[in-house]
C-alpha cells in the first residue's frame, strides 16, 4: 500500500470516529483506553451503546494499524523520494 493510500484511509477512519467523538464527548484515544481498562463496563450489553462501542473500538484499532503501517513505510522511504513520486504521478 502506498503512503497516499494510507493517508486517505486514515482520514476516512478519523471522519468516521469523529461522529462517535461528537456523540459521546470523548476523543477516540480516551474512549479506547477507558474501554480497555473496564471503565465502560456498566454499558456492556446495553442496547444503544453496545453496537456503537464495538464499531468505534474497531475503527480505532484499524486506525492504529494504519498509523503503524504509515510510520513503517515512512521509515523505509526518504521524504524527498516520496514527494517526487507522488507529484510525478499526480
Protein backbone atom coordinates (compact mmCIF):
# COMPACT_ATOMS: atom_id res chain seq x y z
CA UNK A 1 0.00 0.00 0.00
CA UNK A 2 1.25 3.49 -0.87
CA UNK A 3 1.60 6.29 1.68
CA UNK A 4 -1.07 8.37 -0.05
CA UNK A 5 -3.50 5.43 0.14
CA UNK A 6 -2.79 5.04 3.84
CA UNK A 7 -3.34 8.76 4.38
CA UNK A 8 -6.71 8.61 2.62
CA UNK A 9 -7.74 5.62 4.70
CA UNK A 10 -6.56 7.27 7.95
CA UNK A 11 -8.59 10.39 7.13
CA UNK A 12 -11.67 8.30 6.34
CA UNK A 13 -11.35 6.44 9.64
CA UNK A 14 -10.90 9.73 11.51
CA UNK A 15 -14.03 11.10 9.87
CA UNK A 16 -15.99 8.02 10.97
CA UNK A 17 -14.58 8.16 14.52
CA UNK A 18 -15.38 11.86 14.77
CA UNK A 19 -19.11 11.05 14.66
CA UNK A 20 -18.70 8.93 17.80
CA UNK A 21 -16.46 11.52 19.44
CA UNK A 22 -19.15 14.16 18.88
CA UNK A 23 -21.93 11.85 20.06
CA UNK A 24 -20.22 10.71 23.28
CA UNK A 25 -17.99 13.72 24.02
CA UNK A 26 -14.71 11.76 24.15
CA UNK A 27 -11.73 11.55 21.86
CA UNK A 28 -11.27 8.08 20.40
CA UNK A 29 -7.97 7.60 22.23
CA UNK A 30 -9.62 8.27 25.60
CA UNK A 31 -12.66 6.14 24.77
CA UNK A 32 -10.46 3.20 23.77
CA UNK A 33 -8.34 3.47 26.92
CA UNK A 34 -11.49 3.58 29.09
CA UNK A 35 -12.88 0.57 27.25
CA UNK A 36 -9.64 -1.39 27.71
CA UNK A 37 -9.40 -0.61 31.42
CA UNK A 38 -13.01 -1.60 32.09
CA UNK A 39 -14.23 1.90 32.91
CA UNK A 40 -17.13 1.43 30.50
CA UNK A 41 -18.19 -1.99 31.79
CA UNK A 42 -21.52 -0.63 33.02
CA UNK A 43 -22.54 -0.22 29.37
CA UNK A 44 -21.79 -3.86 28.42
CA UNK A 45 -24.70 -5.31 26.51
CA UNK A 46 -26.80 -2.16 26.82
CA UNK A 47 -28.72 -1.50 23.66
CA UNK A 48 -27.77 1.76 22.03
CA UNK A 49 -24.24 1.66 23.40
CA UNK A 50 -23.04 -1.86 22.69
CA UNK A 51 -23.03 -1.68 18.89
CA UNK A 52 -21.66 1.87 18.86
CA UNK A 53 -18.84 0.90 21.20
CA UNK A 54 -17.99 -2.20 19.16
CA UNK A 55 -17.82 -0.24 15.92
CA UNK A 56 -15.93 2.66 17.49
CA UNK A 57 -13.36 0.33 19.04
CA UNK A 58 -12.98 -1.50 15.72
CA UNK A 59 -12.45 1.75 13.84
CA UNK A 60 -9.86 2.84 16.37
CA UNK A 61 -7.99 -0.48 16.14
CA UNK A 62 -7.90 -0.22 12.35
CA UNK A 63 -6.77 3.41 12.67
CA UNK A 64 -3.91 2.35 14.98
CA UNK A 65 -2.91 -0.34 12.48
CA UNK A 66 -2.91 2.14 9.59
CA UNK A 67 -0.89 4.63 11.65
CA UNK A 68 1.73 1.93 12.31
CA UNK A 69 1.79 0.97 8.63
CA UNK A 70 2.20 4.63 7.66
CA UNK A 71 5.13 5.11 10.06
CA UNK A 72 6.76 1.90 8.85
CA UNK A 73 6.50 2.91 5.18
CA UNK A 74 7.72 6.40 6.00
CA UNK A 75 10.86 4.99 7.65
CA UNK A 76 11.61 2.89 4.57
CA UNK A 77 11.30 5.72 2.07
CA UNK A 78 13.09 9.08 2.16
CA UNK A 79 10.71 12.05 2.27
CA UNK A 80 12.10 13.67 -0.87
CA UNK A 81 11.78 10.42 -2.83
CA UNK A 82 8.18 10.05 -1.72
CA UNK A 83 7.26 13.63 -2.67
CA UNK A 84 8.85 13.22 -6.11
CA UNK A 85 6.92 10.01 -6.65
CA UNK A 86 3.58 11.46 -5.64
CA UNK A 87 3.91 14.71 -7.58
CA UNK A 88 5.11 12.98 -10.76
CA UNK A 89 2.14 10.59 -10.72
CA UNK A 90 -0.50 13.23 -9.96
